[in-house]
């Protein structure tokens, strides 16, 4: 099966704000709908892969733009990630269209996206630890999970509390967790 073709088409449709229809995607790839379901473990599995592919690009861009070193750099990367996530209309559209599914796919282990984000953040922290610029206040896996949860709190603020998403609060809260008080994290 042309999994890459199905994923690319699904990503394009997702970014355009369209609902992913498995039958249409399968027909476009020239395969049976059940084949697409099996390959991606259903619609939720395909959505998870689409969301992760977009998130991965967003995290790469955030890591490239991160400033400073040590805790400042980690907090800066989390801020940059939040800025980009907050600016992604397709994520906001998805939350508006399918809020329960979006919440489950993007913020739980079952969705498959959050564990990959945590792994990426853990790797980023490890880089600062190996460079000798950060002594983590907690075991790195725990720290990475907490930083991701902090970020989720302010990225998904409108869904949680009705407040506007706020990347600066991500930087402040992550910085506080990392012992960064007065440094500029922008």
N, C-alpha and C. Protein backbone atom coordinates (compact mmCIF):
# COMPACT_ATOMS: atom_id res chain seq x y z
N UNK A 1 0.83 -1.19 0.00
CA UNK A 1 0.00 0.00 0.00
C UNK A 1 0.87 1.25 0.00
N UNK A 2 0.37 2.27 -0.52
CA UNK A 2 1.07 3.53 -0.61
C UNK A 2 0.80 4.35 0.65
N UNK A 3 1.37 3.90 1.78
CA UNK A 3 1.12 4.55 3.06
C UNK A 3 1.55 6.00 3.06
N UNK A 4 2.71 6.27 2.45
CA UNK A 4 3.19 7.66 2.42
C UNK A 4 2.23 8.56 1.65
N UNK A 5 1.66 8.02 0.58
CA UNK A 5 0.71 8.79 -0.22
C UNK A 5 -0.56 9.08 0.58
N UNK A 6 -1.05 8.08 1.28
CA UNK A 6 -2.26 8.26 2.10
C UNK A 6 -1.97 9.28 3.20
N UNK A 7 -0.83 9.16 3.86
CA UNK A 7 -0.47 10.08 4.94
C UNK A 7 -0.32 11.51 4.41
N UNK A 8 0.33 11.67 3.27
CA UNK A 8 0.50 13.01 2.70
C UNK A 8 -0.84 13.64 2.34
N UNK A 9 -1.71 12.86 1.71
CA UNK A 9 -3.03 13.38 1.36
C UNK A 9 -3.83 13.71 2.61
N UNK A 10 -3.77 12.83 3.61
CA UNK A 10 -4.49 13.07 4.86
C UNK A 10 -3.96 14.33 5.55
N UNK A 11 -2.66 14.52 5.53
CA UNK A 11 -2.07 15.72 6.13
C UNK A 11 -2.54 16.97 5.41
N UNK A 12 -2.54 16.93 4.09
CA UNK A 12 -3.01 18.09 3.31
C UNK A 12 -4.46 18.42 3.64
N UNK A 13 -5.28 17.40 3.73
CA UNK A 13 -6.70 17.63 4.03
C UNK A 13 -6.88 18.15 5.46
N UNK A 14 -6.14 17.61 6.38
CA UNK A 14 -6.21 18.05 7.77
C UNK A 14 -5.83 19.53 7.88
N UNK A 15 -4.72 19.89 7.26
CA UNK A 15 -4.25 21.28 7.29
C UNK A 15 -5.27 22.22 6.63
N UNK A 16 -5.99 21.71 5.64
CA UNK A 16 -7.02 22.51 4.97
C UNK A 16 -8.31 22.59 5.78
N UNK A 17 -8.36 21.91 6.91
CA UNK A 17 -9.54 21.96 7.76
C UNK A 17 -10.62 20.96 7.41
N UNK A 18 -10.28 20.00 6.56
CA UNK A 18 -11.27 19.00 6.15
C UNK A 18 -11.26 17.81 7.10
N UNK A 19 -12.37 17.17 7.22
CA UNK A 19 -12.49 15.93 7.98
C UNK A 19 -11.87 14.80 7.15
N UNK A 20 -11.13 13.93 7.80
CA UNK A 20 -10.51 12.81 7.09
C UNK A 20 -11.52 11.69 6.91
N UNK A 21 -11.77 11.33 5.68
CA UNK A 21 -12.67 10.24 5.34
C UNK A 21 -11.84 9.10 4.78
N UNK A 22 -11.84 7.99 5.46
CA UNK A 22 -10.98 6.86 5.10
C UNK A 22 -11.28 6.33 3.70
N UNK A 23 -12.54 6.27 3.33
CA UNK A 23 -12.91 5.76 2.01
C UNK A 23 -12.33 6.62 0.89
N UNK A 24 -12.41 7.92 1.05
CA UNK A 24 -11.86 8.83 0.03
C UNK A 24 -10.35 8.71 -0.07
N UNK A 25 -9.69 8.61 1.07
CA UNK A 25 -8.23 8.48 1.07
C UNK A 25 -7.81 7.17 0.42
N UNK A 26 -8.53 6.10 0.73
CA UNK A 26 -8.22 4.79 0.14
C UNK A 26 -8.42 4.83 -1.37
N UNK A 27 -9.53 5.41 -1.81
CA UNK A 27 -9.81 5.48 -3.25
C UNK A 27 -8.71 6.26 -3.96
N UNK A 28 -8.27 7.34 -3.36
CA UNK A 28 -7.21 8.15 -3.97
C UNK A 28 -5.90 7.35 -4.10
N UNK A 29 -5.63 6.51 -3.11
CA UNK A 29 -4.41 5.70 -3.13
C UNK A 29 -4.56 4.42 -3.95
N UNK A 30 -5.80 4.14 -4.39
CA UNK A 30 -6.04 2.95 -5.20
C UNK A 30 -6.04 1.66 -4.41
N UNK A 31 -6.46 1.75 -3.15
CA UNK A 31 -6.53 0.56 -2.31
C UNK A 31 -7.90 0.49 -1.65
N UNK A 32 -8.17 -0.64 -1.04
CA UNK A 32 -9.44 -0.85 -0.35
C UNK A 32 -9.44 -0.09 0.97
N UNK A 33 -10.61 0.39 1.35
CA UNK A 33 -10.75 1.14 2.60
C UNK A 33 -10.26 0.32 3.80
N UNK A 34 -10.57 -0.96 3.82
CA UNK A 34 -10.15 -1.80 4.95
C UNK A 34 -8.63 -1.91 5.03
N UNK A 35 -7.96 -1.81 3.90
CA UNK A 35 -6.50 -1.84 3.89
C UNK A 35 -5.94 -0.61 4.62
N UNK A 36 -6.54 0.54 4.36
CA UNK A 36 -6.11 1.77 5.03
C UNK A 36 -6.40 1.67 6.53
N UNK A 37 -7.57 1.15 6.88
CA UNK A 37 -7.91 0.97 8.29
C UNK A 37 -6.88 0.08 8.99
N UNK A 38 -6.54 -1.05 8.36
CA UNK A 38 -5.57 -1.97 8.97
C UNK A 38 -4.19 -1.33 9.09
N UNK A 39 -3.76 -0.66 8.05
CA UNK A 39 -2.42 -0.07 8.04
C UNK A 39 -2.26 0.99 9.14
N UNK A 40 -3.30 1.80 9.35
CA UNK A 40 -3.20 2.90 10.31
C UNK A 40 -3.97 2.64 11.60
N UNK A 41 -4.48 1.44 11.77
CA UNK A 41 -5.27 1.11 12.97
C UNK A 41 -6.47 2.04 13.11
N UNK A 42 -7.16 2.25 12.01
CA UNK A 42 -8.39 3.04 12.02
C UNK A 42 -8.15 4.53 11.82
N UNK A 43 -9.24 5.25 11.86
CA UNK A 43 -9.19 6.69 11.63
C UNK A 43 -8.38 7.41 12.70
N UNK A 44 -8.56 7.00 13.96
CA UNK A 44 -7.79 7.63 15.03
C UNK A 44 -6.29 7.41 14.84
N UNK A 45 -5.91 6.23 14.40
CA UNK A 45 -4.49 5.97 14.15
C UNK A 45 -3.94 6.85 13.05
N UNK A 46 -4.73 7.02 11.98
CA UNK A 46 -4.30 7.90 10.89
C UNK A 46 -4.23 9.35 11.38
N UNK A 47 -5.23 9.79 12.11
CA UNK A 47 -5.20 11.15 12.65
C UNK A 47 -3.98 11.35 13.55
N UNK A 48 -3.67 10.36 14.37
CA UNK A 48 -2.49 10.45 15.23
C UNK A 48 -1.21 10.60 14.42
N UNK A 49 -1.10 9.85 13.34
CA UNK A 49 0.09 9.96 12.49
C UNK A 49 0.16 11.32 11.80
N UNK A 50 -0.97 11.82 11.35
CA UNK A 50 -1.02 13.15 10.72
C UNK A 50 -0.60 14.21 11.73
N UNK A 51 -1.20 14.16 12.92
CA UNK A 51 -0.89 15.15 13.94
C UNK A 51 0.58 15.06 14.35
N UNK A 52 1.09 13.84 14.50
CA UNK A 52 2.50 13.72 14.86
C UNK A 52 3.39 14.28 13.76
N UNK A 53 3.09 14.01 12.50
CA UNK A 53 3.96 14.51 11.43
C UNK A 53 4.02 16.03 11.44
N UNK A 54 2.90 16.67 11.74
CA UNK A 54 2.87 18.14 11.84
C UNK A 54 3.58 18.62 13.10
N UNK A 55 3.37 17.90 14.19
CA UNK A 55 4.00 18.25 15.46
C UNK A 55 5.50 18.10 15.38
N UNK A 56 5.95 17.06 14.73
CA UNK A 56 7.39 16.82 14.59
C UNK A 56 8.06 17.98 13.85
N UNK A 57 7.44 18.45 12.78
CA UNK A 57 7.99 19.60 12.05
C UNK A 57 8.00 20.84 12.94
N UNK A 58 6.95 21.01 13.72
CA UNK A 58 6.84 22.15 14.62
C UNK A 58 7.92 22.10 15.69
N UNK A 59 8.14 20.92 16.23
CA UNK A 59 9.18 20.77 17.26
C UNK A 59 10.57 21.00 16.69
N UNK A 60 10.81 20.53 15.48
CA UNK A 60 12.12 20.77 14.85
C UNK A 60 12.36 22.27 14.67
N UNK A 61 11.34 23.00 14.22
CA UNK A 61 11.47 24.44 14.05
C UNK A 61 11.70 25.12 15.40
N UNK A 62 10.99 24.69 16.43
CA UNK A 62 11.16 25.27 17.76
C UNK A 62 12.57 25.03 18.29
N UNK A 63 13.09 23.83 18.08
CA UNK A 63 14.45 23.52 18.54
C UNK A 63 15.49 24.38 17.82
N UNK A 64 15.29 24.60 16.53
CA UNK A 64 16.23 25.46 15.77
C UNK A 64 16.20 26.90 16.26
N UNK A 65 15.06 27.38 16.70
CA UNK A 65 14.90 28.77 17.12
C UNK A 65 15.21 29.01 18.60
N UNK A 66 15.37 27.95 19.36
CA UNK A 66 15.62 28.09 20.80
C UNK A 66 16.89 28.91 21.05
N UNK A 67 16.80 29.79 22.02
CA UNK A 67 17.90 30.69 22.38
C UNK A 67 18.55 30.26 23.69
N UNK A 68 19.78 30.66 23.89
CA UNK A 68 20.47 30.45 25.15
C UNK A 68 21.04 29.06 25.30
N UNK A 69 21.22 28.69 26.56
CA UNK A 69 21.74 27.37 26.87
C UNK A 69 21.15 26.89 28.19
N UNK A 70 21.25 25.60 28.43
CA UNK A 70 20.74 25.02 29.66
C UNK A 70 19.24 25.19 29.81
N UNK A 71 18.82 25.57 31.02
CA UNK A 71 17.41 25.74 31.31
C UNK A 71 16.77 26.82 30.46
N UNK A 72 17.52 27.87 30.16
CA UNK A 72 17.00 28.94 29.31
C UNK A 72 16.68 28.39 27.92
N UNK A 73 17.58 27.59 27.39
CA UNK A 73 17.37 27.01 26.05
C UNK A 73 16.16 26.06 26.03
N UNK A 74 16.03 25.25 27.05
CA UNK A 74 14.90 24.31 27.11
C UNK A 74 13.58 25.10 27.22
N UNK A 75 13.53 26.09 28.10
CA UNK A 75 12.32 26.90 28.25
C UNK A 75 12.03 27.67 26.96
N UNK A 76 13.07 28.13 26.29
CA UNK A 76 12.91 28.84 25.02
C UNK A 76 12.33 27.92 23.95
N UNK A 77 12.81 26.68 23.92
CA UNK A 77 12.28 25.72 22.94
C UNK A 77 10.81 25.43 23.21
N UNK A 78 10.44 25.28 24.47
CA UNK A 78 9.04 25.01 24.81
C UNK A 78 8.17 26.22 24.43
N UNK A 79 8.69 27.42 24.64
CA UNK A 79 7.97 28.63 24.25
C UNK A 79 7.77 28.67 22.74
N UNK A 80 8.83 28.41 22.00
CA UNK A 80 8.76 28.43 20.53
C UNK A 80 7.76 27.38 20.03
N UNK A 81 7.76 26.23 20.66
CA UNK A 81 6.80 25.19 20.30
C UNK A 81 5.38 25.68 20.54
N UNK A 82 5.15 26.31 21.69
CA UNK A 82 3.82 26.83 22.02
C UNK A 82 3.40 27.93 21.04
N UNK A 83 4.31 28.81 20.67
CA UNK A 83 3.99 29.88 19.70
C UNK A 83 3.49 29.25 18.40
N UNK A 84 4.19 28.25 17.92
CA UNK A 84 3.82 27.62 16.66
C UNK A 84 2.52 26.81 16.79
N UNK A 85 2.38 26.09 17.89
CA UNK A 85 1.15 25.32 18.10
C UNK A 85 -0.05 26.25 18.22
N UNK A 86 0.12 27.35 18.94
CA UNK A 86 -0.98 28.31 19.10
C UNK A 86 -1.35 28.96 17.77
N UNK A 87 -0.40 29.08 16.87
CA UNK A 87 -0.65 29.72 15.58
C UNK A 87 -1.15 28.78 14.51
N UNK A 88 -1.25 27.50 14.81
CA UNK A 88 -1.66 26.51 13.81
C UNK A 88 -3.19 26.44 13.75
N UNK A 89 -3.76 27.09 12.76
CA UNK A 89 -5.22 27.13 12.63
C UNK A 89 -5.81 25.73 12.50
N UNK A 90 -5.10 24.82 11.85
CA UNK A 90 -5.63 23.47 11.65
C UNK A 90 -5.83 22.74 12.97
N UNK A 91 -4.98 23.00 13.97
CA UNK A 91 -5.21 22.38 15.28
C UNK A 91 -6.44 22.98 15.95
N UNK A 92 -6.58 24.30 15.87
CA UNK A 92 -7.76 24.94 16.45
C UNK A 92 -9.03 24.44 15.76
N UNK A 93 -8.97 24.31 14.43
CA UNK A 93 -10.12 23.79 13.69
C UNK A 93 -10.47 22.37 14.13
N UNK A 94 -9.46 21.54 14.31
CA UNK A 94 -9.68 20.16 14.73
C UNK A 94 -10.33 20.12 16.11
N UNK A 95 -9.83 20.95 17.04
CA UNK A 95 -10.44 21.00 18.37
C UNK A 95 -11.88 21.47 18.30
N UNK A 96 -12.17 22.42 17.42
CA UNK A 96 -13.55 22.91 17.30
C UNK A 96 -14.46 21.85 16.68
N UNK A 97 -13.93 21.11 15.70
CA UNK A 97 -14.73 20.12 14.96
C UNK A 97 -14.94 18.84 15.75
N UNK A 98 -13.89 18.36 16.42
CA UNK A 98 -13.94 17.07 17.13
C UNK A 98 -13.21 17.19 18.47
N UNK A 99 -13.75 17.95 19.42
CA UNK A 99 -13.00 18.24 20.65
C UNK A 99 -12.59 17.01 21.46
N UNK A 100 -13.48 16.06 21.65
CA UNK A 100 -13.12 14.90 22.46
C UNK A 100 -12.04 14.06 21.80
N UNK A 101 -12.18 13.86 20.51
CA UNK A 101 -11.17 13.09 19.76
C UNK A 101 -9.83 13.83 19.78
N UNK A 102 -9.86 15.12 19.54
CA UNK A 102 -8.63 15.91 19.53
C UNK A 102 -7.93 15.82 20.88
N UNK A 103 -8.69 15.99 21.94
CA UNK A 103 -8.11 15.94 23.29
C UNK A 103 -7.46 14.58 23.53
N UNK A 104 -8.17 13.51 23.20
CA UNK A 104 -7.66 12.16 23.41
C UNK A 104 -6.41 11.88 22.57
N UNK A 105 -6.45 12.26 21.31
CA UNK A 105 -5.32 11.97 20.42
C UNK A 105 -4.08 12.78 20.75
N UNK A 106 -4.27 14.01 21.17
CA UNK A 106 -3.14 14.91 21.33
C UNK A 106 -2.55 14.96 22.73
N UNK A 107 -3.30 14.51 23.73
CA UNK A 107 -2.80 14.69 25.10
C UNK A 107 -2.75 13.43 25.95
N UNK A 108 -3.00 12.28 25.36
CA UNK A 108 -2.93 11.04 26.14
C UNK A 108 -1.96 10.05 25.49
N UNK A 109 -1.52 9.10 26.28
CA UNK A 109 -0.66 8.05 25.74
C UNK A 109 -1.37 7.28 24.64
N UNK A 110 -2.66 7.08 24.81
CA UNK A 110 -3.44 6.30 23.84
C UNK A 110 -3.40 6.92 22.45
N UNK A 111 -3.31 8.23 22.36
CA UNK A 111 -3.30 8.91 21.06
C UNK A 111 -1.99 8.77 20.32
N UNK A 112 -0.92 8.47 21.05
CA UNK A 112 0.38 8.26 20.42
C UNK A 112 1.16 9.52 20.10
N UNK A 113 0.57 10.68 20.24
CA UNK A 113 1.28 11.92 19.93
C UNK A 113 2.07 12.39 21.16
N UNK A 114 1.40 12.49 22.28
CA UNK A 114 2.07 13.01 23.47
C UNK A 114 3.33 12.23 23.85
N UNK A 115 3.32 10.88 23.83
CA UNK A 115 4.56 10.17 24.18
C UNK A 115 5.73 10.53 23.25
N UNK A 116 5.44 10.78 22.00
CA UNK A 116 6.52 11.17 21.06
C UNK A 116 7.00 12.58 21.35
N UNK A 117 6.09 13.46 21.75
CA UNK A 117 6.51 14.81 22.13
C UNK A 117 7.41 14.73 23.37
N UNK A 118 6.99 13.95 24.35
CA UNK A 118 7.79 13.80 25.57
C UNK A 118 9.17 13.24 25.22
N UNK A 119 9.24 12.25 24.34
CA UNK A 119 10.53 11.70 23.93
C UNK A 119 11.42 12.77 23.29
N UNK A 120 10.82 13.60 22.43
CA UNK A 120 11.58 14.68 21.79
C UNK A 120 12.10 15.68 22.80
N UNK A 121 11.26 16.05 23.76
CA UNK A 121 11.68 16.99 24.80
C UNK A 121 12.78 16.36 25.65
N UNK A 122 12.63 15.09 25.96
CA UNK A 122 13.65 14.38 26.73
C UNK A 122 15.00 14.41 26.00
N UNK A 123 14.98 14.15 24.71
CA UNK A 123 16.21 14.20 23.91
C UNK A 123 16.82 15.59 23.91
N UNK A 124 15.97 16.62 23.82
CA UNK A 124 16.45 18.00 23.84
C UNK A 124 17.10 18.31 25.19
N UNK A 125 16.47 17.91 26.27
CA UNK A 125 17.04 18.12 27.61
C UNK A 125 18.36 17.37 27.73
N UNK A 126 18.38 16.12 27.27
CA UNK A 126 19.62 15.32 27.32
C UNK A 126 20.78 16.04 26.63
N UNK A 127 20.47 16.72 25.52
CA UNK A 127 21.51 17.48 24.82
C UNK A 127 22.12 18.56 25.69
N UNK A 128 21.28 19.24 26.45
CA UNK A 128 21.78 20.29 27.35
C UNK A 128 22.55 19.67 28.53
N UNK A 129 22.07 18.54 29.02
CA UNK A 129 22.77 17.85 30.11
C UNK A 129 24.15 17.41 29.63
N UNK A 130 24.21 16.79 28.44
CA UNK A 130 25.49 16.32 27.89
C UNK A 130 26.45 17.47 27.60
N UNK A 131 25.90 18.63 27.24
CA UNK A 131 26.73 19.80 26.98
C UNK A 131 27.25 20.42 28.28
N UNK A 132 26.74 19.95 29.42
CA UNK A 132 27.17 20.47 30.70
C UNK A 132 26.53 21.80 31.07
N UNK A 133 25.42 22.14 30.39
CA UNK A 133 24.77 23.43 30.63
C UNK A 133 23.52 23.31 31.50
N UNK A 134 23.15 22.08 31.86
CA UNK A 134 21.93 21.88 32.65
C UNK A 134 22.11 20.71 33.61
N UNK A 135 21.78 20.97 34.86
CA UNK A 135 21.65 19.91 35.85
C UNK A 135 20.15 19.82 36.12
N UNK A 136 19.51 18.78 35.61
CA UNK A 136 18.05 18.70 35.73
C UNK A 136 17.59 18.56 37.18
N UNK A 137 16.49 19.25 37.54
CA UNK A 137 16.00 19.17 38.91
C UNK A 137 15.26 17.87 39.23
N UNK A 138 14.99 17.08 38.20
CA UNK A 138 14.29 15.79 38.33
C UNK A 138 14.92 14.83 37.33
N UNK A 139 14.62 13.54 37.45
CA UNK A 139 15.05 12.63 36.38
C UNK A 139 14.51 13.14 35.04
N UNK A 140 15.32 13.08 34.01
CA UNK A 140 14.98 13.68 32.72
C UNK A 140 13.63 13.19 32.16
N UNK A 141 13.30 11.90 32.23
CA UNK A 141 11.98 11.49 31.72
C UNK A 141 10.82 12.19 32.45
N UNK A 142 10.94 12.33 33.77
CA UNK A 142 9.90 13.01 34.54
C UNK A 142 9.85 14.50 34.20
N UNK A 143 11.01 15.11 34.09
CA UNK A 143 11.08 16.53 33.76
C UNK A 143 10.46 16.79 32.39
N UNK A 144 10.77 15.95 31.42
CA UNK A 144 10.21 16.13 30.07
C UNK A 144 8.69 16.04 30.10
N UNK A 145 8.15 15.06 30.81
CA UNK A 145 6.69 14.92 30.91
C UNK A 145 6.07 16.16 31.56
N UNK A 146 6.66 16.64 32.64
CA UNK A 146 6.12 17.81 33.32
C UNK A 146 6.16 19.03 32.41
N UNK A 147 7.25 19.23 31.68
CA UNK A 147 7.35 20.37 30.78
C UNK A 147 6.30 20.29 29.66
N UNK A 148 6.06 19.09 29.17
CA UNK A 148 5.02 18.92 28.15
C UNK A 148 3.65 19.22 28.74
N UNK A 149 3.39 18.75 29.94
CA UNK A 149 2.10 19.02 30.58
C UNK A 149 1.91 20.51 30.86
N UNK A 150 2.97 21.19 31.27
CA UNK A 150 2.90 22.64 31.46
C UNK A 150 2.53 23.30 30.13
N UNK A 151 3.20 22.89 29.08
CA UNK A 151 2.95 23.47 27.76
C UNK A 151 1.52 23.21 27.32
N UNK A 152 1.04 21.99 27.52
CA UNK A 152 -0.35 21.68 27.16
C UNK A 152 -1.33 22.59 27.91
N UNK A 153 -1.04 22.86 29.16
CA UNK A 153 -1.93 23.70 29.96
C UNK A 153 -2.15 25.06 29.30
N UNK A 154 -1.09 25.64 28.76
CA UNK A 154 -1.21 26.98 28.18
C UNK A 154 -1.51 26.97 26.69
N UNK A 155 -1.18 25.89 26.00
CA UNK A 155 -1.54 25.78 24.58
C UNK A 155 -3.03 25.47 24.44
N UNK A 156 -3.54 24.59 25.29
CA UNK A 156 -4.95 24.20 25.23
C UNK A 156 -5.79 24.97 26.24
N UNK A 157 -5.34 26.15 26.64
CA UNK A 157 -6.03 26.94 27.67
C UNK A 157 -7.48 27.20 27.32
N UNK A 158 -7.76 27.46 26.05
CA UNK A 158 -9.15 27.75 25.68
C UNK A 158 -10.04 26.53 25.90
N UNK A 159 -9.52 25.33 25.69
CA UNK A 159 -10.32 24.12 25.91
C UNK A 159 -10.41 23.78 27.40
N UNK A 160 -9.38 24.13 28.16
CA UNK A 160 -9.35 23.79 29.59
C UNK A 160 -10.12 24.81 30.42
N UNK A 161 -9.83 26.10 30.20
CA UNK A 161 -10.37 27.12 31.09
C UNK A 161 -11.10 28.25 30.37
N UNK A 162 -11.10 28.21 29.05
CA UNK A 162 -11.75 29.28 28.29
C UNK A 162 -10.86 30.49 28.12
N UNK A 163 -9.63 30.43 28.59
CA UNK A 163 -8.68 31.54 28.44
C UNK A 163 -7.93 31.39 27.12
N UNK A 164 -7.28 32.46 26.72
CA UNK A 164 -6.50 32.43 25.48
C UNK A 164 -5.19 31.67 25.70
N UNK A 165 -4.73 30.93 24.71
CA UNK A 165 -3.42 30.28 24.79
C UNK A 165 -2.33 31.33 25.01
N UNK A 166 -1.27 30.97 25.73
CA UNK A 166 -0.26 31.95 26.08
C UNK A 166 1.13 31.31 26.12
N UNK A 167 1.91 31.55 25.08
CA UNK A 167 3.26 31.00 24.99
C UNK A 167 4.21 31.61 26.01
N UNK A 168 3.97 32.86 26.40
CA UNK A 168 4.84 33.49 27.40
C UNK A 168 4.68 32.81 28.75
N UNK A 169 3.48 32.38 29.07
CA UNK A 169 3.27 31.64 30.33
C UNK A 169 3.96 30.28 30.26
N UNK A 170 4.02 29.69 29.07
CA UNK A 170 4.77 28.44 28.90
C UNK A 170 6.23 28.68 29.27
N UNK A 171 6.80 29.75 28.73
CA UNK A 171 8.21 30.07 29.01
C UNK A 171 8.43 30.32 30.50
N UNK A 172 7.54 31.09 31.11
CA UNK A 172 7.68 31.41 32.53
C UNK A 172 7.58 30.15 33.40
N UNK A 173 6.56 29.34 33.15
CA UNK A 173 6.35 28.15 33.97
C UNK A 173 7.45 27.11 33.76
N UNK A 174 7.83 26.89 32.50
CA UNK A 174 8.91 25.94 32.23
C UNK A 174 10.22 26.47 32.81
N UNK A 175 10.46 27.77 32.66
CA UNK A 175 11.65 28.38 33.24
C UNK A 175 11.70 28.20 34.74
N UNK A 176 10.57 28.42 35.41
CA UNK A 176 10.52 28.24 36.86
C UNK A 176 10.84 26.79 37.23
N UNK A 177 10.31 25.86 36.48
CA UNK A 177 10.57 24.43 36.73
C UNK A 177 12.05 24.12 36.58
N UNK A 178 12.71 24.83 35.68
CA UNK A 178 14.12 24.59 35.39
C UNK A 178 15.06 25.49 36.20
N UNK A 179 14.48 26.29 37.09
CA UNK A 179 15.31 27.16 37.92
C UNK A 179 15.75 28.43 37.23
N UNK A 180 15.11 28.79 36.13
CA UNK A 180 15.42 30.01 35.39
C UNK A 180 14.49 31.10 35.89
N UNK A 181 15.03 32.14 36.47
CA UNK A 181 14.19 33.17 37.06
C UNK A 181 14.19 34.47 36.24
N UNK A 182 15.35 35.05 36.05
CA UNK A 182 15.41 36.40 35.48
C UNK A 182 15.89 36.44 34.03
N UNK A 183 16.20 35.31 33.47
CA UNK A 183 16.72 35.29 32.10
C UNK A 183 15.62 35.55 31.10
N UNK A 184 15.98 36.14 30.01
CA UNK A 184 15.02 36.35 28.91
C UNK A 184 14.91 35.03 28.15
N UNK A 185 13.68 34.57 27.96
CA UNK A 185 13.45 33.28 27.30
C UNK A 185 12.71 33.52 25.99
N UNK A 186 12.97 34.52 25.28
CA UNK A 186 12.22 34.79 24.05
C UNK A 186 12.92 34.38 22.82
